[in-house]
């Protein structure tokens, strides 16, 4: 699956939805604007904080985007996460479920060269497990 398809899949699972309807965005004065073939909504809202979604946030490369859009959904589902440096300058993300018996129970993890990708892949693995 391509990176874009993976981002779209995660985005849909955290509340984004594609609307296949032409959308015109005005540009600076005297410079017209741009027409998009559709747009994304977030939990039914066409814009959030005045931002229209002609494209998705960069969930694959940006920790900021992950913490704003994906982590709240992770927490809503009752999971905790840890992101830390790992051997050989790599990064590890772990997702755990609180457990009365063990404190926390590791559910899944991912190790990559980039911290955002580690968290993205750990969340993606969790969602794969939940879909089964």
N, C-alpha and C. Protein backbone atom coordinates (compact mmCIF):
# COMPACT_ATOMS: atom_id res chain seq x y z
N UNK A 1 0.85 -1.17 0.00
CA UNK A 1 0.00 0.00 0.00
C UNK A 1 0.90 1.24 0.00
N UNK A 2 0.57 2.23 -0.83
CA UNK A 2 1.39 3.43 -0.91
C UNK A 2 1.27 4.26 0.38
N UNK A 3 2.23 5.14 0.56
CA UNK A 3 2.21 6.02 1.73
C UNK A 3 0.92 6.84 1.77
N UNK A 4 0.51 7.38 0.62
CA UNK A 4 -0.70 8.20 0.57
C UNK A 4 -1.94 7.39 0.96
N UNK A 5 -2.03 6.17 0.48
CA UNK A 5 -3.17 5.31 0.82
C UNK A 5 -3.18 4.98 2.31
N UNK A 6 -2.00 4.77 2.88
CA UNK A 6 -1.89 4.49 4.32
C UNK A 6 -2.36 5.71 5.13
N UNK A 7 -1.95 6.91 4.70
CA UNK A 7 -2.36 8.14 5.38
C UNK A 7 -3.87 8.31 5.27
N UNK A 8 -4.43 8.08 4.09
CA UNK A 8 -5.87 8.21 3.89
C UNK A 8 -6.63 7.23 4.78
N UNK A 9 -6.13 6.01 4.88
CA UNK A 9 -6.79 5.00 5.71
C UNK A 9 -6.80 5.42 7.18
N UNK A 10 -5.64 5.85 7.68
CA UNK A 10 -5.57 6.30 9.07
C UNK A 10 -6.46 7.52 9.28
N UNK A 11 -6.42 8.45 8.33
CA UNK A 11 -7.25 9.67 8.44
C UNK A 11 -8.73 9.32 8.55
N UNK A 12 -9.18 8.39 7.74
CA UNK A 12 -10.60 7.97 7.80
C UNK A 12 -10.93 7.36 9.16
N UNK A 13 -10.01 6.58 9.70
CA UNK A 13 -10.26 5.92 10.98
C UNK A 13 -10.27 6.89 12.16
N UNK A 14 -9.63 8.05 12.01
CA UNK A 14 -9.64 9.02 13.11
C UNK A 14 -10.67 10.13 12.91
N UNK A 15 -11.46 10.04 11.82
CA UNK A 15 -12.57 10.99 11.69
C UNK A 15 -12.62 11.82 10.43
N UNK A 16 -11.67 11.69 9.51
CA UNK A 16 -11.73 12.43 8.25
C UNK A 16 -12.60 11.67 7.26
N UNK A 17 -13.25 12.44 6.38
CA UNK A 17 -14.09 11.83 5.34
C UNK A 17 -13.94 12.65 4.06
N UNK A 18 -13.78 11.96 2.93
CA UNK A 18 -13.65 12.61 1.63
C UNK A 18 -15.03 12.95 1.08
N UNK A 19 -15.18 14.19 0.62
CA UNK A 19 -16.41 14.63 -0.03
C UNK A 19 -16.08 14.89 -1.49
N UNK A 20 -16.68 14.12 -2.37
CA UNK A 20 -16.40 14.20 -3.79
C UNK A 20 -17.27 15.29 -4.42
N UNK A 21 -16.90 16.53 -4.14
CA UNK A 21 -17.68 17.69 -4.60
C UNK A 21 -16.69 18.80 -4.92
N UNK A 22 -16.80 19.40 -6.08
CA UNK A 22 -15.88 20.45 -6.47
C UNK A 22 -15.91 21.59 -5.46
N UNK A 23 -14.72 22.13 -5.17
CA UNK A 23 -14.58 23.14 -4.13
C UNK A 23 -13.61 24.21 -4.61
N UNK A 24 -14.04 25.47 -4.60
CA UNK A 24 -13.19 26.58 -5.03
C UNK A 24 -12.63 27.29 -3.81
N UNK A 25 -11.32 27.49 -3.80
CA UNK A 25 -10.66 28.22 -2.72
C UNK A 25 -10.14 29.53 -3.29
N UNK A 26 -10.58 30.65 -2.72
CA UNK A 26 -10.14 31.97 -3.18
C UNK A 26 -8.69 32.20 -2.82
N UNK A 27 -7.97 32.77 -3.78
CA UNK A 27 -6.57 33.12 -3.54
C UNK A 27 -6.45 34.58 -3.17
N UNK A 28 -5.22 35.09 -3.14
CA UNK A 28 -5.04 36.51 -2.85
C UNK A 28 -5.75 37.36 -3.91
N UNK A 29 -6.09 38.58 -3.55
CA UNK A 29 -6.79 39.49 -4.47
C UNK A 29 -6.11 39.53 -5.83
N UNK A 30 -6.88 39.54 -6.87
CA UNK A 30 -6.42 39.65 -8.24
C UNK A 30 -5.68 38.40 -8.73
N UNK A 31 -5.61 37.37 -7.91
CA UNK A 31 -4.92 36.16 -8.34
C UNK A 31 -5.85 34.97 -8.43
N UNK A 32 -7.15 35.23 -8.37
CA UNK A 32 -8.13 34.16 -8.53
C UNK A 32 -8.14 33.18 -7.37
N UNK A 33 -7.93 31.94 -7.66
CA UNK A 33 -7.98 30.90 -6.65
C UNK A 33 -7.72 29.56 -7.31
N UNK A 34 -8.16 28.52 -6.66
CA UNK A 34 -7.93 27.17 -7.19
C UNK A 34 -9.16 26.32 -6.95
N UNK A 35 -9.50 25.52 -7.93
CA UNK A 35 -10.62 24.61 -7.80
C UNK A 35 -10.08 23.21 -7.51
N UNK A 36 -10.62 22.59 -6.47
CA UNK A 36 -10.23 21.24 -6.09
C UNK A 36 -11.38 20.29 -6.43
N UNK A 37 -11.07 19.03 -6.80
CA UNK A 37 -12.13 18.10 -7.18
C UNK A 37 -12.97 17.61 -6.00
N UNK A 38 -12.53 17.90 -4.80
CA UNK A 38 -13.24 17.48 -3.60
C UNK A 38 -12.51 18.02 -2.39
N UNK A 39 -12.93 17.62 -1.22
CA UNK A 39 -12.28 18.10 -0.01
C UNK A 39 -12.53 17.11 1.11
N UNK A 40 -11.77 17.25 2.17
CA UNK A 40 -11.90 16.40 3.35
C UNK A 40 -12.68 17.15 4.43
N UNK A 41 -13.47 16.43 5.18
CA UNK A 41 -14.10 17.01 6.37
C UNK A 41 -13.56 16.25 7.57
N UNK A 42 -13.63 16.88 8.73
CA UNK A 42 -13.20 16.22 9.96
C UNK A 42 -14.39 16.13 10.89
N UNK A 43 -14.85 14.91 11.14
CA UNK A 43 -16.01 14.65 11.98
C UNK A 43 -17.19 15.53 11.59
N UNK A 44 -17.42 15.61 10.27
CA UNK A 44 -18.56 16.35 9.74
C UNK A 44 -18.33 17.84 9.58
N UNK A 45 -17.22 18.36 10.03
CA UNK A 45 -16.95 19.79 9.90
C UNK A 45 -16.13 20.05 8.64
N UNK A 46 -16.56 21.04 7.88
CA UNK A 46 -15.87 21.35 6.63
C UNK A 46 -14.55 22.06 6.89
N UNK A 47 -14.44 22.75 8.01
CA UNK A 47 -13.17 23.39 8.37
C UNK A 47 -12.99 23.29 9.89
N UNK A 48 -11.75 23.32 10.30
CA UNK A 48 -11.40 23.31 11.72
C UNK A 48 -10.42 24.45 11.93
N UNK A 49 -10.71 25.32 12.88
CA UNK A 49 -9.87 26.50 13.14
C UNK A 49 -9.65 27.32 11.87
N UNK A 50 -10.68 27.41 11.03
CA UNK A 50 -10.59 28.20 9.80
C UNK A 50 -9.81 27.53 8.68
N UNK A 51 -9.41 26.29 8.86
CA UNK A 51 -8.61 25.57 7.87
C UNK A 51 -9.49 24.58 7.10
N UNK A 52 -9.56 24.78 5.78
CA UNK A 52 -10.29 23.84 4.93
C UNK A 52 -9.32 22.74 4.50
N UNK A 53 -9.82 21.54 4.34
CA UNK A 53 -8.97 20.41 4.04
C UNK A 53 -9.04 20.01 2.57
N UNK A 54 -8.30 20.73 1.71
CA UNK A 54 -8.20 20.29 0.32
C UNK A 54 -7.22 19.13 0.24
N UNK A 55 -6.36 18.99 1.25
CA UNK A 55 -5.49 17.82 1.37
C UNK A 55 -5.40 17.46 2.85
N UNK A 56 -4.97 16.26 3.13
CA UNK A 56 -4.89 15.79 4.51
C UNK A 56 -3.66 16.32 5.23
N UNK A 57 -3.72 16.42 6.56
CA UNK A 57 -2.52 16.73 7.32
C UNK A 57 -1.47 15.64 7.09
N UNK A 58 -0.21 15.98 7.22
CA UNK A 58 0.88 15.04 6.96
C UNK A 58 1.07 14.09 8.14
N UNK A 59 0.19 13.12 8.25
CA UNK A 59 0.22 12.19 9.37
C UNK A 59 1.42 11.25 9.35
N UNK A 60 2.04 11.07 8.19
CA UNK A 60 3.14 10.12 8.08
C UNK A 60 4.48 10.71 8.53
N UNK A 61 4.67 12.03 8.35
CA UNK A 61 5.97 12.65 8.64
C UNK A 61 5.95 13.65 9.78
N UNK A 62 4.79 14.03 10.27
CA UNK A 62 4.70 15.13 11.23
C UNK A 62 4.15 14.67 12.59
N UNK A 63 4.98 14.80 13.62
CA UNK A 63 4.48 14.50 14.97
C UNK A 63 3.38 15.47 15.35
N UNK A 64 3.50 16.74 14.93
CA UNK A 64 2.46 17.73 15.24
C UNK A 64 1.10 17.26 14.71
N UNK A 65 1.08 16.79 13.46
CA UNK A 65 -0.19 16.33 12.87
C UNK A 65 -0.71 15.10 13.61
N UNK A 66 0.18 14.18 13.96
CA UNK A 66 -0.25 12.99 14.69
C UNK A 66 -0.84 13.35 16.05
N UNK A 67 -0.16 14.26 16.78
CA UNK A 67 -0.65 14.63 18.10
C UNK A 67 -1.96 15.41 18.02
N UNK A 68 -2.17 16.16 16.95
CA UNK A 68 -3.41 16.92 16.82
C UNK A 68 -4.58 16.04 16.37
N UNK A 69 -4.33 15.10 15.43
CA UNK A 69 -5.44 14.39 14.82
C UNK A 69 -5.56 12.93 15.23
N UNK A 70 -4.46 12.19 15.37
CA UNK A 70 -4.55 10.75 15.61
C UNK A 70 -4.48 10.37 17.09
N UNK A 71 -3.62 11.04 17.85
CA UNK A 71 -3.45 10.67 19.26
C UNK A 71 -4.75 10.86 20.06
N UNK A 72 -5.53 11.92 19.85
CA UNK A 72 -6.79 12.01 20.60
C UNK A 72 -7.72 10.81 20.37
N UNK A 73 -7.74 10.29 19.15
CA UNK A 73 -8.55 9.10 18.87
C UNK A 73 -7.98 7.88 19.57
N UNK A 74 -6.66 7.78 19.60
CA UNK A 74 -5.99 6.70 20.32
C UNK A 74 -6.37 6.73 21.79
N UNK A 75 -6.33 7.92 22.39
CA UNK A 75 -6.68 8.07 23.80
C UNK A 75 -8.16 7.81 24.04
N UNK A 76 -9.00 8.25 23.09
CA UNK A 76 -10.45 8.03 23.22
C UNK A 76 -10.76 6.53 23.26
N UNK A 77 -9.96 5.75 22.56
CA UNK A 77 -10.16 4.30 22.53
C UNK A 77 -9.55 3.61 23.75
N UNK A 78 -8.94 4.40 24.65
CA UNK A 78 -8.43 3.83 25.90
C UNK A 78 -7.00 3.37 25.89
N UNK A 79 -6.21 3.83 24.93
CA UNK A 79 -4.81 3.41 24.84
C UNK A 79 -3.87 4.52 25.29
N UNK A 80 -2.70 4.12 25.77
CA UNK A 80 -1.61 5.04 26.08
C UNK A 80 -0.49 4.75 25.09
N UNK A 81 0.44 5.67 24.98
CA UNK A 81 1.57 5.47 24.07
C UNK A 81 2.84 6.01 24.72
N UNK A 82 3.96 5.49 24.25
CA UNK A 82 5.28 5.98 24.65
C UNK A 82 6.10 6.06 23.37
N UNK A 83 6.83 7.15 23.23
CA UNK A 83 7.71 7.34 22.08
C UNK A 83 9.09 7.67 22.62
N UNK A 84 10.10 6.91 22.23
CA UNK A 84 11.43 7.16 22.78
C UNK A 84 12.52 6.77 21.79
N UNK A 85 13.74 7.28 22.08
CA UNK A 85 14.89 6.92 21.27
C UNK A 85 15.22 5.46 21.48
N UNK A 86 15.72 4.83 20.43
CA UNK A 86 16.01 3.41 20.46
C UNK A 86 17.42 3.21 19.96
N UNK A 87 17.91 2.01 20.00
CA UNK A 87 19.28 1.73 19.62
C UNK A 87 19.59 2.17 18.18
N UNK A 88 20.85 2.54 17.97
CA UNK A 88 21.34 2.95 16.64
C UNK A 88 20.57 4.13 16.07
N UNK A 89 20.26 5.12 16.91
CA UNK A 89 19.58 6.35 16.46
C UNK A 89 18.22 6.10 15.81
N UNK A 90 17.54 5.07 16.24
CA UNK A 90 16.20 4.79 15.74
C UNK A 90 15.19 5.26 16.79
N UNK A 91 13.92 5.16 16.47
CA UNK A 91 12.85 5.59 17.37
C UNK A 91 11.85 4.47 17.52
N UNK A 92 11.33 4.32 18.75
CA UNK A 92 10.36 3.27 19.03
C UNK A 92 9.10 3.88 19.61
N UNK A 93 7.98 3.43 19.11
CA UNK A 93 6.67 3.82 19.65
C UNK A 93 6.00 2.56 20.17
N UNK A 94 5.49 2.64 21.38
CA UNK A 94 4.76 1.52 21.97
C UNK A 94 3.36 1.99 22.31
N UNK A 95 2.39 1.13 22.08
CA UNK A 95 1.00 1.43 22.45
C UNK A 95 0.58 0.37 23.45
N UNK A 96 0.02 0.86 24.55
CA UNK A 96 -0.37 -0.05 25.64
C UNK A 96 -1.78 0.26 26.09
N UNK A 97 -2.38 -0.74 26.70
CA UNK A 97 -3.73 -0.62 27.27
C UNK A 97 -3.59 -0.69 28.78
N UNK A 98 -4.17 0.26 29.52
CA UNK A 98 -4.12 0.15 30.98
C UNK A 98 -4.72 -1.16 31.46
N UNK A 99 -4.08 -1.78 32.45
CA UNK A 99 -4.52 -3.07 32.96
C UNK A 99 -4.44 -3.04 34.48
N UNK A 100 -5.52 -3.43 35.14
CA UNK A 100 -5.51 -3.46 36.60
C UNK A 100 -4.50 -4.47 37.13
N UNK A 101 -4.35 -5.56 36.41
CA UNK A 101 -3.46 -6.63 36.87
C UNK A 101 -1.99 -6.30 36.66
N UNK A 102 -1.65 -5.69 35.51
CA UNK A 102 -0.24 -5.47 35.16
C UNK A 102 0.14 -4.00 35.12
N UNK A 103 -0.73 -3.08 35.37
CA UNK A 103 -0.42 -1.65 35.22
C UNK A 103 -0.72 -1.21 33.80
N UNK A 104 0.09 -1.66 32.88
CA UNK A 104 -0.19 -1.48 31.45
C UNK A 104 0.20 -2.76 30.72
N UNK A 105 -0.48 -3.02 29.64
CA UNK A 105 -0.21 -4.20 28.83
C UNK A 105 0.16 -3.75 27.43
N UNK A 106 1.38 -4.09 26.98
CA UNK A 106 1.84 -3.71 25.65
C UNK A 106 0.94 -4.37 24.61
N UNK A 107 0.44 -3.56 23.68
CA UNK A 107 -0.43 -4.06 22.63
C UNK A 107 0.34 -4.21 21.32
N UNK A 108 1.12 -3.18 20.97
CA UNK A 108 1.91 -3.21 19.75
C UNK A 108 3.02 -2.19 19.82
N UNK A 109 3.97 -2.28 18.91
CA UNK A 109 5.06 -1.31 18.84
C UNK A 109 5.61 -1.27 17.42
N UNK A 110 6.41 -0.24 17.16
CA UNK A 110 7.07 -0.10 15.85
C UNK A 110 8.38 0.63 16.06
N UNK A 111 9.39 0.27 15.29
CA UNK A 111 10.70 0.91 15.34
C UNK A 111 11.04 1.38 13.93
N UNK A 112 11.36 2.68 13.78
CA UNK A 112 11.75 3.24 12.48
C UNK A 112 12.83 4.28 12.69
N UNK A 113 13.32 4.84 11.58
CA UNK A 113 14.35 5.87 11.65
C UNK A 113 13.79 7.23 12.07
N UNK A 114 12.51 7.46 11.84
CA UNK A 114 11.87 8.74 12.15
C UNK A 114 10.82 8.57 13.24
N UNK A 115 10.75 9.48 14.21
CA UNK A 115 9.78 9.33 15.31
C UNK A 115 8.32 9.35 14.85
N UNK A 116 7.98 10.23 13.91
CA UNK A 116 6.58 10.29 13.45
C UNK A 116 6.19 8.98 12.77
N UNK A 117 7.09 8.42 11.98
CA UNK A 117 6.77 7.17 11.30
C UNK A 117 6.62 6.02 12.29
N UNK A 118 7.41 6.03 13.37
CA UNK A 118 7.27 4.98 14.39
C UNK A 118 5.89 5.04 15.03
N UNK A 119 5.45 6.25 15.40
CA UNK A 119 4.13 6.39 16.01
C UNK A 119 3.03 6.06 15.01
N UNK A 120 3.18 6.53 13.77
CA UNK A 120 2.21 6.23 12.71
C UNK A 120 2.06 4.72 12.54
N UNK A 121 3.20 4.02 12.43
CA UNK A 121 3.14 2.57 12.19
C UNK A 121 2.59 1.81 13.39
N UNK A 122 2.87 2.27 14.60
CA UNK A 122 2.31 1.61 15.78
C UNK A 122 0.79 1.79 15.81
N UNK A 123 0.31 2.99 15.50
CA UNK A 123 -1.14 3.24 15.46
C UNK A 123 -1.77 2.40 14.35
N UNK A 124 -1.11 2.34 13.21
CA UNK A 124 -1.61 1.56 12.08
C UNK A 124 -1.72 0.07 12.45
N UNK A 125 -0.72 -0.46 13.14
CA UNK A 125 -0.76 -1.86 13.58
C UNK A 125 -1.93 -2.10 14.54
N UNK A 126 -2.15 -1.14 15.46
CA UNK A 126 -3.26 -1.25 16.40
C UNK A 126 -4.58 -1.30 15.66
N UNK A 127 -4.76 -0.42 14.69
CA UNK A 127 -6.00 -0.38 13.94
C UNK A 127 -6.19 -1.66 13.13
N UNK A 128 -5.10 -2.20 12.59
CA UNK A 128 -5.18 -3.50 11.89
C UNK A 128 -5.68 -4.58 12.85
N UNK A 129 -5.16 -4.59 14.07
CA UNK A 129 -5.57 -5.59 15.07
C UNK A 129 -7.04 -5.42 15.43
N UNK A 130 -7.49 -4.17 15.57
CA UNK A 130 -8.89 -3.92 15.92
C UNK A 130 -9.84 -4.31 14.81
N UNK A 131 -9.39 -4.21 13.56
CA UNK A 131 -10.26 -4.54 12.42
C UNK A 131 -10.48 -6.04 12.28
N UNK A 132 -9.57 -6.85 12.84
CA UNK A 132 -9.70 -8.30 12.71
C UNK A 132 -10.80 -8.84 13.57
